[in-house]
Amino acid sequence: MRGKTYIVAHRRRREGKTDYKQRLRLLKSGKPRFVVRKSINNVTCQIVEYSKDGDKTIVSVNSNDVKKLGWKGNPGNLPAAYLVGLLCGSRANKKKIKDAVLDSGLYASTPGSRIYSALKGAVDSGLKISHSEEILPKNERIKGEHIATLAKKIKSEKPDEYKKRFSIYLKNKVSPENLPKHFDEVKKKILKK
C-alpha cells in the first residue's frame, strides 16, 4: 500500500479465479474462445464469445453429454476429454464457427494433459485453433491404450487391486482392457451426429 488511496483489485483477481492480462490477450484476437475446464470426474468445453453485456456461451459440452452417447469409461480421463472436445467442436461447426482461440484458464500448461486432449478433439472435428503439435497427447494415450495395458498387467498380477482400481469400468460393464475399442465406437457416434 502506498499513499492515502488504495485501489482494491477485482474480486475475481483477489480470489485467484481470473488472470485479466491473459483474458485481454485472448479477447484481442477477436475470435471466440474455446474454454476448457476440468475436475476429477468431469471435463467441460465451451465456445464463448465476448459481449459488452457479458460473455455469451454459444456451445457447451461436458462429460455427461458424452455419457449419453454411450461412453462408459471414467468421465474425467484423457479419452473422455478428447471425446468432449470432439463433440464441442462438431457442435460449433454446426453453428458456423470455424476459428477459435484456446482458453485454458489458470491451469498450468502441461504437454499431453487433459486440456490438450480436449484441444486435439476440437481440432480433429475441424475447428481451427492455433497450437503446437508437441503439446498434444499421443494417439495411443488418447485412445486409452495406456489404461488397457495397465489393466492387463494388474489383472494378471493382483486381481483384488484390479477390481478395486477399475471398479467404475466394471460397474458400467466395460472391460478396461477393451477401452480403445470402446473409445473408437463412441468416437464414430460423435462423428455421425
N, C-alpha and C. Protein backbone atom coordinates (compact mmCIF):
# COMPACT_ATOMS: atom_id res chain seq x y z
N MET A 1 0.84 -1.18 0.00
CA MET A 1 0.00 0.00 0.00
C MET A 1 0.89 1.24 0.00
N ARG A 2 0.49 2.22 -0.84
CA ARG A 2 1.21 3.47 -0.89
C ARG A 2 0.20 4.61 -0.88
N GLY A 3 0.56 5.65 -0.24
CA GLY A 3 -0.28 6.85 -0.24
C GLY A 3 -1.61 6.66 0.48
N LYS A 4 -2.46 7.67 0.31
CA LYS A 4 -3.74 7.65 1.01
C LYS A 4 -4.78 6.77 0.33
N THR A 5 -4.66 6.63 -0.98
CA THR A 5 -5.67 5.82 -1.68
C THR A 5 -5.09 4.46 -2.04
N TYR A 6 -5.89 3.46 -1.84
CA TYR A 6 -5.50 2.09 -2.17
C TYR A 6 -6.56 1.54 -3.11
N ILE A 7 -6.15 1.08 -4.27
CA ILE A 7 -7.09 0.54 -5.24
C ILE A 7 -7.22 -0.96 -5.01
N VAL A 8 -8.41 -1.38 -4.72
CA VAL A 8 -8.67 -2.79 -4.48
C VAL A 8 -8.80 -3.50 -5.83
N ALA A 9 -8.10 -4.62 -5.97
CA ALA A 9 -8.16 -5.39 -7.21
C ALA A 9 -9.55 -6.00 -7.37
N HIS A 10 -9.87 -6.35 -8.62
CA HIS A 10 -11.16 -7.00 -8.89
C HIS A 10 -11.31 -8.24 -8.01
N ARG A 11 -12.53 -8.53 -7.61
CA ARG A 11 -12.79 -9.66 -6.71
C ARG A 11 -12.25 -10.97 -7.29
N ARG A 12 -12.51 -11.23 -8.58
CA ARG A 12 -12.07 -12.50 -9.17
C ARG A 12 -10.54 -12.58 -9.22
N ARG A 13 -9.88 -11.43 -9.30
CA ARG A 13 -8.42 -11.41 -9.27
C ARG A 13 -7.92 -11.71 -7.86
N ARG A 14 -8.56 -11.11 -6.86
CA ARG A 14 -8.19 -11.36 -5.46
C ARG A 14 -8.38 -12.82 -5.09
N GLU A 15 -9.44 -13.44 -5.61
CA GLU A 15 -9.74 -14.84 -5.30
C GLU A 15 -8.92 -15.80 -6.15
N GLY A 16 -8.13 -15.28 -7.08
CA GLY A 16 -7.30 -16.14 -7.91
C GLY A 16 -8.09 -16.89 -8.97
N LYS A 17 -9.21 -16.34 -9.42
CA LYS A 17 -10.06 -17.02 -10.40
C LYS A 17 -9.85 -16.52 -11.83
N THR A 18 -9.37 -15.31 -12.00
CA THR A 18 -9.21 -14.74 -13.34
C THR A 18 -7.88 -14.03 -13.48
N ASP A 19 -7.19 -14.32 -14.57
CA ASP A 19 -5.98 -13.60 -14.92
C ASP A 19 -6.40 -12.60 -16.01
N TYR A 20 -6.57 -11.34 -15.64
CA TYR A 20 -7.12 -10.35 -16.55
C TYR A 20 -6.18 -10.01 -17.70
N LYS A 21 -4.86 -10.11 -17.50
CA LYS A 21 -3.93 -9.86 -18.60
C LYS A 21 -4.07 -10.94 -19.67
N GLN A 22 -4.17 -12.19 -19.23
CA GLN A 22 -4.36 -13.29 -20.18
C GLN A 22 -5.71 -13.14 -20.90
N ARG A 23 -6.74 -12.79 -20.16
CA ARG A 23 -8.07 -12.62 -20.75
C ARG A 23 -8.05 -11.53 -21.83
N LEU A 24 -7.37 -10.42 -21.56
CA LEU A 24 -7.29 -9.34 -22.53
C LEU A 24 -6.58 -9.79 -23.80
N ARG A 25 -5.50 -10.56 -23.65
CA ARG A 25 -4.79 -11.09 -24.83
C ARG A 25 -5.71 -11.97 -25.67
N LEU A 26 -6.51 -12.80 -25.01
CA LEU A 26 -7.43 -13.68 -25.73
C LEU A 26 -8.52 -12.88 -26.44
N LEU A 27 -9.04 -11.85 -25.78
CA LEU A 27 -10.11 -11.05 -26.38
C LEU A 27 -9.61 -10.22 -27.56
N LYS A 28 -8.34 -9.82 -27.52
CA LYS A 28 -7.77 -9.02 -28.62
C LYS A 28 -7.70 -9.81 -29.92
N SER A 29 -7.73 -11.13 -29.83
CA SER A 29 -7.68 -11.95 -31.05
C SER A 29 -8.95 -11.77 -31.89
N GLY A 30 -10.05 -11.38 -31.24
CA GLY A 30 -11.31 -11.19 -31.96
C GLY A 30 -12.02 -12.48 -32.28
N LYS A 31 -11.46 -13.60 -31.87
CA LYS A 31 -12.07 -14.91 -32.14
C LYS A 31 -12.82 -15.39 -30.91
N PRO A 32 -13.78 -16.29 -31.10
CA PRO A 32 -14.41 -16.92 -29.93
C PRO A 32 -13.37 -17.73 -29.16
N ARG A 33 -13.60 -17.93 -27.87
CA ARG A 33 -12.68 -18.70 -27.05
C ARG A 33 -13.16 -20.14 -26.92
N PHE A 34 -12.24 -21.08 -27.06
CA PHE A 34 -12.51 -22.48 -26.77
C PHE A 34 -12.05 -22.70 -25.34
N VAL A 35 -13.01 -22.70 -24.41
CA VAL A 35 -12.73 -22.73 -22.98
C VAL A 35 -12.76 -24.18 -22.50
N VAL A 36 -11.68 -24.61 -21.84
CA VAL A 36 -11.60 -25.97 -21.30
C VAL A 36 -11.42 -25.87 -19.79
N ARG A 37 -12.29 -26.54 -19.06
CA ARG A 37 -12.18 -26.62 -17.60
C ARG A 37 -12.30 -28.09 -17.20
N LYS A 38 -11.61 -28.45 -16.14
CA LYS A 38 -11.58 -29.85 -15.73
C LYS A 38 -11.71 -29.98 -14.22
N SER A 39 -12.22 -31.14 -13.80
CA SER A 39 -12.21 -31.53 -12.40
C SER A 39 -11.85 -33.01 -12.37
N ILE A 40 -11.93 -33.64 -11.24
CA ILE A 40 -11.52 -35.03 -11.15
C ILE A 40 -12.40 -35.92 -12.04
N ASN A 41 -13.70 -35.70 -12.02
CA ASN A 41 -14.61 -36.56 -12.76
C ASN A 41 -15.39 -35.85 -13.85
N ASN A 42 -14.86 -34.75 -14.36
CA ASN A 42 -15.60 -34.02 -15.39
C ASN A 42 -14.65 -33.16 -16.22
N VAL A 43 -14.99 -33.05 -17.49
CA VAL A 43 -14.30 -32.13 -18.39
C VAL A 43 -15.40 -31.32 -19.08
N THR A 44 -15.23 -30.02 -19.13
CA THR A 44 -16.21 -29.14 -19.78
C THR A 44 -15.51 -28.32 -20.86
N CYS A 45 -16.11 -28.28 -22.04
CA CYS A 45 -15.61 -27.45 -23.13
C CYS A 45 -16.73 -26.52 -23.57
N GLN A 46 -16.38 -25.27 -23.82
CA GLN A 46 -17.36 -24.27 -24.26
C GLN A 46 -16.77 -23.40 -25.35
N ILE A 47 -17.64 -22.92 -26.21
CA ILE A 47 -17.28 -21.87 -27.16
C ILE A 47 -17.95 -20.61 -26.64
N VAL A 48 -17.13 -19.61 -26.31
CA VAL A 48 -17.64 -18.39 -25.67
C VAL A 48 -17.23 -17.19 -26.49
N GLU A 49 -18.18 -16.30 -26.75
CA GLU A 49 -17.91 -15.05 -27.46
C GLU A 49 -18.02 -13.88 -26.50
N TYR A 50 -17.15 -12.90 -26.70
CA TYR A 50 -17.17 -11.70 -25.88
C TYR A 50 -18.35 -10.81 -26.27
N SER A 51 -18.96 -10.21 -25.28
CA SER A 51 -20.00 -9.22 -25.50
C SER A 51 -19.87 -8.17 -24.39
N LYS A 52 -20.18 -6.92 -24.71
CA LYS A 52 -20.08 -5.85 -23.70
C LYS A 52 -21.03 -6.10 -22.54
N ASP A 53 -22.15 -6.76 -22.83
CA ASP A 53 -23.14 -7.05 -21.78
C ASP A 53 -22.78 -8.29 -20.97
N GLY A 54 -21.71 -8.97 -21.34
CA GLY A 54 -21.30 -10.21 -20.67
C GLY A 54 -21.05 -11.28 -21.71
N ASP A 55 -20.13 -12.16 -21.44
CA ASP A 55 -19.78 -13.20 -22.39
C ASP A 55 -20.98 -14.08 -22.71
N LYS A 56 -21.07 -14.52 -23.96
CA LYS A 56 -22.17 -15.37 -24.42
C LYS A 56 -21.61 -16.77 -24.72
N THR A 57 -22.18 -17.77 -24.08
CA THR A 57 -21.78 -19.15 -24.34
C THR A 57 -22.60 -19.65 -25.52
N ILE A 58 -21.92 -20.04 -26.60
CA ILE A 58 -22.59 -20.50 -27.81
C ILE A 58 -22.78 -22.01 -27.79
N VAL A 59 -21.74 -22.72 -27.37
CA VAL A 59 -21.78 -24.18 -27.29
C VAL A 59 -21.19 -24.59 -25.95
N SER A 60 -21.82 -25.56 -25.30
CA SER A 60 -21.30 -26.08 -24.04
C SER A 60 -21.48 -27.60 -24.02
N VAL A 61 -20.40 -28.31 -23.73
CA VAL A 61 -20.42 -29.77 -23.68
C VAL A 61 -19.63 -30.20 -22.47
N ASN A 62 -20.13 -31.22 -21.74
CA ASN A 62 -19.35 -31.78 -20.63
C ASN A 62 -19.38 -33.30 -20.69
N SER A 63 -18.77 -33.93 -19.73
CA SER A 63 -18.64 -35.39 -19.73
C SER A 63 -20.00 -36.10 -19.73
N ASN A 64 -21.02 -35.49 -19.15
CA ASN A 64 -22.35 -36.11 -19.14
C ASN A 64 -22.91 -36.24 -20.55
N ASP A 65 -22.61 -35.29 -21.42
CA ASP A 65 -23.09 -35.36 -22.81
C ASP A 65 -22.46 -36.55 -23.53
N VAL A 66 -21.21 -36.84 -23.21
CA VAL A 66 -20.52 -37.98 -23.83
C VAL A 66 -21.07 -39.29 -23.26
N LYS A 67 -21.42 -39.28 -21.97
CA LYS A 67 -22.03 -40.47 -21.36
C LYS A 67 -23.34 -40.82 -22.06
N LYS A 68 -24.11 -39.79 -22.42
CA LYS A 68 -25.40 -40.02 -23.11
C LYS A 68 -25.20 -40.68 -24.47
N LEU A 69 -24.01 -40.50 -25.06
CA LEU A 69 -23.70 -41.13 -26.35
C LEU A 69 -23.10 -42.52 -26.18
N GLY A 70 -22.99 -42.99 -24.93
CA GLY A 70 -22.54 -44.36 -24.71
C GLY A 70 -21.20 -44.52 -24.03
N TRP A 71 -20.53 -43.44 -23.66
CA TRP A 71 -19.23 -43.57 -23.00
C TRP A 71 -19.41 -44.17 -21.61
N LYS A 72 -18.75 -45.29 -21.36
CA LYS A 72 -18.88 -45.99 -20.08
C LYS A 72 -17.61 -45.93 -19.25
N GLY A 73 -16.57 -45.30 -19.78
CA GLY A 73 -15.32 -45.19 -19.05
C GLY A 73 -15.36 -44.06 -18.04
N ASN A 74 -14.22 -43.80 -17.42
CA ASN A 74 -14.11 -42.71 -16.46
C ASN A 74 -14.42 -41.39 -17.16
N PRO A 75 -15.31 -40.56 -16.60
CA PRO A 75 -15.70 -39.32 -17.27
C PRO A 75 -14.67 -38.20 -17.20
N GLY A 76 -13.59 -38.40 -16.44
CA GLY A 76 -12.62 -37.33 -16.29
C GLY A 76 -11.24 -37.66 -16.82
N ASN A 77 -11.10 -38.76 -17.57
CA ASN A 77 -9.76 -39.14 -18.02
C ASN A 77 -9.44 -38.57 -19.40
N LEU A 78 -8.26 -38.92 -19.91
CA LEU A 78 -7.76 -38.38 -21.19
C LEU A 78 -8.67 -38.73 -22.37
N PRO A 79 -9.10 -39.99 -22.53
CA PRO A 79 -10.01 -40.30 -23.65
C PRO A 79 -11.33 -39.54 -23.56
N ALA A 80 -11.87 -39.39 -22.35
CA ALA A 80 -13.13 -38.66 -22.19
C ALA A 80 -12.95 -37.19 -22.56
N ALA A 81 -11.81 -36.60 -22.20
CA ALA A 81 -11.53 -35.20 -22.54
C ALA A 81 -11.50 -35.02 -24.05
N TYR A 82 -10.87 -35.96 -24.76
CA TYR A 82 -10.83 -35.89 -26.23
C TYR A 82 -12.24 -35.94 -26.81
N LEU A 83 -13.07 -36.86 -26.31
CA LEU A 83 -14.43 -37.01 -26.83
C LEU A 83 -15.27 -35.76 -26.55
N VAL A 84 -15.08 -35.15 -25.39
CA VAL A 84 -15.80 -33.90 -25.07
C VAL A 84 -15.38 -32.80 -26.03
N GLY A 85 -14.08 -32.67 -26.29
CA GLY A 85 -13.58 -31.67 -27.24
C GLY A 85 -14.09 -31.92 -28.65
N LEU A 86 -14.13 -33.20 -29.06
CA LEU A 86 -14.62 -33.57 -30.39
C LEU A 86 -16.10 -33.21 -30.54
N LEU A 87 -16.90 -33.51 -29.53
CA LEU A 87 -18.33 -33.19 -29.58
C LEU A 87 -18.56 -31.68 -29.57
N CYS A 88 -17.79 -30.96 -28.78
CA CYS A 88 -17.91 -29.50 -28.74
C CYS A 88 -17.55 -28.90 -30.09
N GLY A 89 -16.46 -29.38 -30.69
CA GLY A 89 -16.04 -28.88 -32.00
C GLY A 89 -17.05 -29.17 -33.09
N SER A 90 -17.66 -30.36 -33.06
CA SER A 90 -18.66 -30.69 -34.09
C SER A 90 -19.92 -29.85 -33.92
N ARG A 91 -20.31 -29.56 -32.68
CA ARG A 91 -21.47 -28.68 -32.45
C ARG A 91 -21.15 -27.24 -32.87
N ALA A 92 -19.92 -26.82 -32.66
CA ALA A 92 -19.50 -25.47 -33.07
C ALA A 92 -19.53 -25.36 -34.59
N ASN A 93 -19.12 -26.41 -35.29
CA ASN A 93 -19.16 -26.40 -36.76
C ASN A 93 -20.59 -26.24 -37.27
N LYS A 94 -21.55 -26.86 -36.59
CA LYS A 94 -22.95 -26.74 -36.99
C LYS A 94 -23.47 -25.33 -36.80
N LYS A 95 -22.85 -24.58 -35.88
CA LYS A 95 -23.25 -23.18 -35.65
C LYS A 95 -22.37 -22.22 -36.43
N LYS A 96 -21.67 -22.74 -37.45
CA LYS A 96 -20.84 -21.95 -38.38
C LYS A 96 -19.65 -21.28 -37.70
N ILE A 97 -19.13 -21.88 -36.65
CA ILE A 97 -17.92 -21.37 -36.01
C ILE A 97 -16.75 -22.17 -36.55
N LYS A 98 -15.79 -21.49 -37.15
CA LYS A 98 -14.66 -22.18 -37.78
C LYS A 98 -13.35 -21.98 -37.04
N ASP A 99 -13.17 -20.78 -36.43
CA ASP A 99 -11.92 -20.45 -35.74
C ASP A 99 -12.20 -20.18 -34.26
N ALA A 100 -11.19 -20.45 -33.44
CA ALA A 100 -11.29 -20.14 -32.02
C ALA A 100 -9.88 -20.01 -31.46
N VAL A 101 -9.80 -19.58 -30.23
CA VAL A 101 -8.51 -19.48 -29.53
C VAL A 101 -8.67 -20.22 -28.20
N LEU A 102 -7.64 -20.98 -27.82
CA LEU A 102 -7.71 -21.79 -26.60
C LEU A 102 -7.65 -20.92 -25.36
N ASP A 103 -8.58 -21.16 -24.43
CA ASP A 103 -8.60 -20.52 -23.12
C ASP A 103 -8.51 -21.62 -22.08
N SER A 104 -7.30 -21.80 -21.53
CA SER A 104 -7.11 -22.87 -20.54
C SER A 104 -7.21 -22.35 -19.11
N GLY A 105 -7.57 -21.09 -18.96
CA GLY A 105 -7.76 -20.52 -17.63
C GLY A 105 -6.47 -20.45 -16.84
N LEU A 106 -6.53 -20.77 -15.57
CA LEU A 106 -5.38 -20.67 -14.69
C LEU A 106 -4.62 -21.99 -14.55
N TYR A 107 -4.99 -23.01 -15.34
CA TYR A 107 -4.30 -24.29 -15.27
C TYR A 107 -2.89 -24.17 -15.82
N ALA A 108 -1.98 -24.90 -15.21
CA ALA A 108 -0.60 -24.93 -15.70
C ALA A 108 -0.57 -25.65 -17.05
N SER A 109 0.25 -25.16 -17.95
CA SER A 109 0.36 -25.75 -19.28
C SER A 109 1.26 -26.98 -19.23
N THR A 110 0.65 -28.16 -19.20
CA THR A 110 1.39 -29.41 -19.15
C THR A 110 1.16 -30.16 -20.45
N PRO A 111 2.20 -30.35 -21.27
CA PRO A 111 2.01 -31.08 -22.53
C PRO A 111 1.42 -32.46 -22.30
N GLY A 112 0.46 -32.84 -23.15
CA GLY A 112 -0.17 -34.15 -23.05
C GLY A 112 -1.27 -34.25 -22.02
N SER A 113 -1.68 -33.13 -21.42
CA SER A 113 -2.70 -33.16 -20.36
C SER A 113 -4.10 -33.26 -20.95
N ARG A 114 -5.09 -33.33 -20.06
CA ARG A 114 -6.49 -33.43 -20.49
C ARG A 114 -6.93 -32.18 -21.26
N ILE A 115 -6.37 -31.03 -20.91
CA ILE A 115 -6.72 -29.80 -21.62
C ILE A 115 -6.33 -29.92 -23.09
N TYR A 116 -5.13 -30.43 -23.34
CA TYR A 116 -4.67 -30.57 -24.71
C TYR A 116 -5.31 -31.76 -25.42
N SER A 117 -5.80 -32.72 -24.65
CA SER A 117 -6.56 -33.81 -25.25
C SER A 117 -7.89 -33.27 -25.78
N ALA A 118 -8.54 -32.41 -25.00
CA ALA A 118 -9.78 -31.77 -25.46
C ALA A 118 -9.51 -30.88 -26.67
N LEU A 119 -8.39 -30.17 -26.65
CA LEU A 119 -7.99 -29.33 -27.79
C LEU A 119 -7.84 -30.19 -29.05
N LYS A 120 -7.18 -31.34 -28.91
CA LYS A 120 -6.98 -32.25 -30.05
C LYS A 120 -8.33 -32.70 -30.59
N GLY A 121 -9.28 -33.00 -29.72
CA GLY A 121 -10.61 -33.39 -30.16
C GLY A 121 -11.29 -32.29 -30.96
N ALA A 122 -11.18 -31.06 -30.48
CA ALA A 122 -11.79 -29.93 -31.18
C ALA A 122 -11.12 -29.71 -32.54
N VAL A 123 -9.80 -29.83 -32.59
CA VAL A 123 -9.07 -29.65 -33.85
C VAL A 123 -9.45 -30.77 -34.83
N ASP A 124 -9.57 -32.00 -34.34
CA ASP A 124 -9.95 -33.13 -35.20
C ASP A 124 -11.36 -32.99 -35.75
N SER A 125 -12.20 -32.22 -35.07
CA SER A 125 -13.57 -32.00 -35.56
C SER A 125 -13.61 -30.95 -36.68
N GLY A 126 -12.51 -30.26 -36.90
CA GLY A 126 -12.45 -29.26 -37.96
C GLY A 126 -12.33 -27.83 -37.47
N LEU A 127 -12.34 -27.63 -36.17
CA LEU A 127 -12.20 -26.29 -35.60
C LEU A 127 -10.74 -25.86 -35.71
N LYS A 128 -10.50 -24.64 -36.18
CA LYS A 128 -9.13 -24.14 -36.33
C LYS A 128 -8.73 -23.38 -35.07
N ILE A 129 -7.80 -23.98 -34.33
CA ILE A 129 -7.27 -23.38 -33.10
C ILE A 129 -5.75 -23.47 -33.20
N SER A 130 -5.06 -22.34 -33.12
CA SER A 130 -3.61 -22.37 -33.26
C SER A 130 -3.00 -23.06 -32.04
N HIS A 131 -2.04 -23.96 -32.31
CA HIS A 131 -1.38 -24.72 -31.27
C HIS A 131 -0.09 -25.32 -31.81
N SER A 132 0.70 -25.85 -30.93
CA SER A 132 1.93 -26.55 -31.30
C SER A 132 1.67 -28.05 -31.20
N GLU A 133 2.12 -28.83 -32.16
CA GLU A 133 1.89 -30.27 -32.17
C GLU A 133 2.55 -30.98 -30.99
N GLU A 134 3.62 -30.40 -30.44
CA GLU A 134 4.34 -31.05 -29.35
C GLU A 134 3.52 -31.13 -28.06
N ILE A 135 2.56 -30.24 -27.88
CA ILE A 135 1.80 -30.23 -26.63
C ILE A 135 0.67 -31.25 -26.62
N LEU A 136 0.29 -31.75 -27.78
CA LEU A 136 -0.83 -32.68 -27.87
C LEU A 136 -0.42 -34.08 -27.39
N PRO A 137 -1.33 -34.78 -26.71
CA PRO A 137 -1.01 -36.16 -26.30
C PRO A 137 -0.93 -37.08 -27.51
N LYS A 138 -0.20 -38.18 -27.36
CA LYS A 138 -0.07 -39.16 -28.44
C LYS A 138 -1.40 -39.88 -28.64
N ASN A 139 -1.64 -40.35 -29.86
CA ASN A 139 -2.90 -41.04 -30.18
C ASN A 139 -3.13 -42.27 -29.32
N GLU A 140 -2.06 -42.97 -28.94
CA GLU A 140 -2.22 -44.16 -28.09
C GLU A 140 -2.82 -43.79 -26.74
N ARG A 141 -2.37 -42.66 -26.19
CA ARG A 141 -2.90 -42.21 -24.89
C ARG A 141 -4.32 -41.70 -25.04
N ILE A 142 -4.61 -41.02 -26.15
CA ILE A 142 -5.96 -40.51 -26.37
C ILE A 142 -6.96 -41.67 -26.45
N LYS A 143 -6.57 -42.75 -27.09
CA LYS A 143 -7.45 -43.92 -27.21
C LYS A 143 -7.58 -44.71 -25.91
N GLY A 144 -6.68 -44.48 -24.97
CA GLY A 144 -6.73 -45.18 -23.70
C GLY A 144 -5.92 -46.46 -23.68
N GLU A 145 -4.97 -46.60 -24.61
CA GLU A 145 -4.16 -47.82 -24.65
C GLU A 145 -3.29 -47.96 -23.41
N HIS A 146 -2.88 -46.84 -22.81
CA HIS A 146 -2.09 -46.91 -21.58
C HIS A 146 -2.93 -47.48 -20.43
N ILE A 147 -4.22 -47.18 -20.41
CA ILE A 147 -5.13 -47.72 -19.38
C ILE A 147 -5.33 -49.21 -19.61
N ALA A 148 -5.52 -49.61 -20.87
CA ALA A 148 -5.72 -51.02 -21.20
C ALA A 148 -4.50 -51.86 -20.82
N THR A 149 -3.31 -51.34 -21.11
CA THR A 149 -2.07 -52.06 -20.79
C THR A 149 -1.92 -52.22 -19.28
N LEU A 150 -2.19 -51.16 -18.53
CA LEU A 150 -2.10 -51.22 -17.07
C LEU A 150 -3.12 -52.21 -16.51
N ALA A 151 -4.34 -52.19 -17.06
CA ALA A 151 -5.39 -53.10 -16.59
C ALA A 151 -4.99 -54.56 -16.81
N LYS A 152 -4.42 -54.87 -17.96
CA LYS A 152 -3.98 -56.25 -18.24
C LYS A 152 -2.90 -56.68 -17.25
N LYS A 153 -1.97 -55.78 -16.99
CA LYS A 153 -0.87 -56.11 -16.08
C LYS A 153 -1.39 -56.36 -14.66
N ILE A 154 -2.23 -55.46 -14.17
CA ILE A 154 -2.75 -55.59 -12.80
C ILE A 154 -3.66 -56.80 -12.68
N LYS A 155 -4.46 -57.08 -13.71
CA LYS A 155 -5.38 -58.21 -13.66
C LYS A 155 -4.63 -59.53 -13.50
N SER A 156 -3.48 -59.66 -14.17
CA SER A 156 -2.72 -60.90 -14.08
C SER A 156 -1.91 -61.00 -12.78
N GLU A 157 -1.46 -59.85 -12.25
CA GLU A 157 -0.61 -59.87 -11.05
C GLU A 157 -1.38 -59.74 -9.75
N LYS A 158 -2.37 -58.84 -9.71
CA LYS A 158 -3.11 -58.56 -8.46
C LYS A 158 -4.60 -58.42 -8.76
N PRO A 159 -5.34 -59.53 -8.83
CA PRO A 159 -6.77 -59.46 -9.19
C PRO A 159 -7.62 -58.62 -8.23
N ASP A 160 -7.27 -58.60 -6.95
CA ASP A 160 -8.04 -57.80 -5.99
C ASP A 160 -7.87 -56.31 -6.25
N GLU A 161 -6.64 -55.90 -6.53
CA GLU A 161 -6.39 -54.49 -6.83
C GLU A 161 -7.06 -54.10 -8.15
N TYR A 162 -7.10 -55.03 -9.10
CA TYR A 162 -7.76 -54.79 -10.40
C TYR A 162 -9.23 -54.42 -10.17
N LYS A 163 -9.93 -55.20 -9.36
CA LYS A 163 -11.36 -54.95 -9.08
C LYS A 163 -11.56 -53.61 -8.38
N LYS A 164 -10.62 -53.27 -7.51
CA LYS A 164 -10.73 -52.02 -6.76
C LYS A 164 -10.43 -50.81 -7.65
N ARG A 165 -9.34 -50.88 -8.42
CA ARG A 165 -8.89 -49.75 -9.22
C ARG A 165 -9.81 -49.46 -10.41
N PHE A 166 -10.36 -50.51 -11.00
CA PHE A 166 -11.19 -50.35 -12.19
C PHE A 166 -12.67 -50.62 -11.90
N SER A 167 -13.09 -50.31 -10.69
CA SER A 167 -14.48 -50.59 -10.27
C SER A 167 -15.51 -49.83 -11.11
N ILE A 168 -15.18 -48.59 -11.52
CA ILE A 168 -16.12 -47.80 -12.33
C ILE A 168 -16.35 -48.49 -13.67
N TYR A 169 -15.28 -48.97 -14.29
CA TYR A 169 -15.41 -49.65 -15.58
C TYR A 169 -16.22 -50.93 -15.43
N LEU A 170 -15.91 -51.72 -14.40
CA LEU A 170 -16.60 -53.00 -14.19
C LEU A 170 -18.07 -52.78 -13.84
N LYS A 171 -18.36 -51.74 -13.07
CA LYS A 171 -19.75 -51.41 -12.72
C LYS A 171 -20.55 -51.02 -13.98
N ASN A 172 -19.89 -50.31 -14.91
CA ASN A 172 -20.54 -49.89 -16.15
C ASN A 172 -20.49 -50.96 -17.24
N LYS A 173 -19.99 -52.14 -16.88
CA LYS A 173 -19.93 -53.30 -17.79
C LYS A 173 -19.10 -53.04 -19.04
N VAL A 174 -17.94 -52.41 -18.84
CA VAL A 174 -16.97 -52.27 -19.91
C VAL A 174 -15.62 -52.72 -19.36
N SER A 175 -14.96 -53.57 -20.10
CA SER A 175 -13.67 -54.08 -19.66
C SER A 175 -12.59 -53.02 -19.94
N PRO A 176 -11.78 -52.65 -18.93
CA PRO A 176 -10.75 -51.64 -19.18
C PRO A 176 -9.73 -52.09 -20.22
N GLU A 177 -9.58 -53.41 -20.42
CA GLU A 177 -8.65 -53.90 -21.43
C GLU A 177 -9.17 -53.58 -22.85
N ASN A 178 -10.48 -53.40 -22.98
CA ASN A 178 -11.09 -53.10 -24.29
C ASN A 178 -11.42 -51.62 -24.46
N LEU A 179 -10.82 -50.77 -23.64
CA LEU A 179 -11.12 -49.34 -23.69
C LEU A 179 -10.85 -48.71 -25.05
N PRO A 180 -9.73 -49.03 -25.74
CA PRO A 180 -9.51 -48.42 -27.06
C PRO A 180 -10.62 -48.74 -28.06
N LYS A 181 -11.13 -49.96 -28.02
CA LYS A 181 -12.23 -50.35 -28.91
C LYS A 181 -13.50 -49.57 -28.56
N HIS A 182 -13.80 -49.47 -27.28
CA HIS A 182 -14.97 -48.72 -26.82
C HIS A 182 -14.84 -47.24 -27.20
N PHE A 183 -13.63 -46.69 -27.07
CA PHE A 183 -13.36 -45.30 -27.46
C PHE A 183 -13.70 -45.09 -28.93
N ASP A 184 -13.24 -45.99 -29.79
CA ASP A 184 -13.50 -45.86 -31.23
C ASP A 184 -14.99 -45.90 -31.55
N GLU A 185 -15.76 -46.73 -30.82
CA GLU A 185 -17.21 -46.82 -31.04
C GLU A 185 -17.89 -45.50 -30.72
N VAL A 186 -17.53 -44.90 -29.58
CA VAL A 186 -18.15 -43.63 -29.18
C VAL A 186 -17.71 -42.51 -30.13
N LYS A 187 -16.46 -42.54 -30.55
CA LYS A 187 -15.96 -41.52 -31.48
C LYS A 187 -16.74 -41.55 -32.79
N LYS A 188 -17.03 -42.75 -33.29
CA LYS A 188 -17.81 -42.88 -34.52
C LYS A 188 -19.22 -42.29 -34.35
N LYS A 189 -19.83 -42.53 -33.19
CA LYS A 189 -21.17 -41.97 -32.92
C LYS A 189 -21.14 -40.44 -32.95
N ILE A 190 -20.10 -39.85 -32.38
CA ILE A 190 -19.98 -38.39 -32.36
C ILE A 190 -19.81 -37.85 -33.76
N LEU A 191 -18.97 -38.49 -34.56
CA LEU A 191 -18.71 -38.02 -35.91
C LEU A 191 -19.92 -38.16 -36.83
N LYS A 192 -20.82 -39.11 -36.52
CA LYS A 192 -22.03 -39.29 -37.33
C LYS A 192 -23.07 -38.22 -37.04
N LYS A 193 -23.04 -37.64 -35.83
CA LYS A 193 -24.06 -36.65 -35.43
C LYS A 193 -23.96 -35.38 -36.25
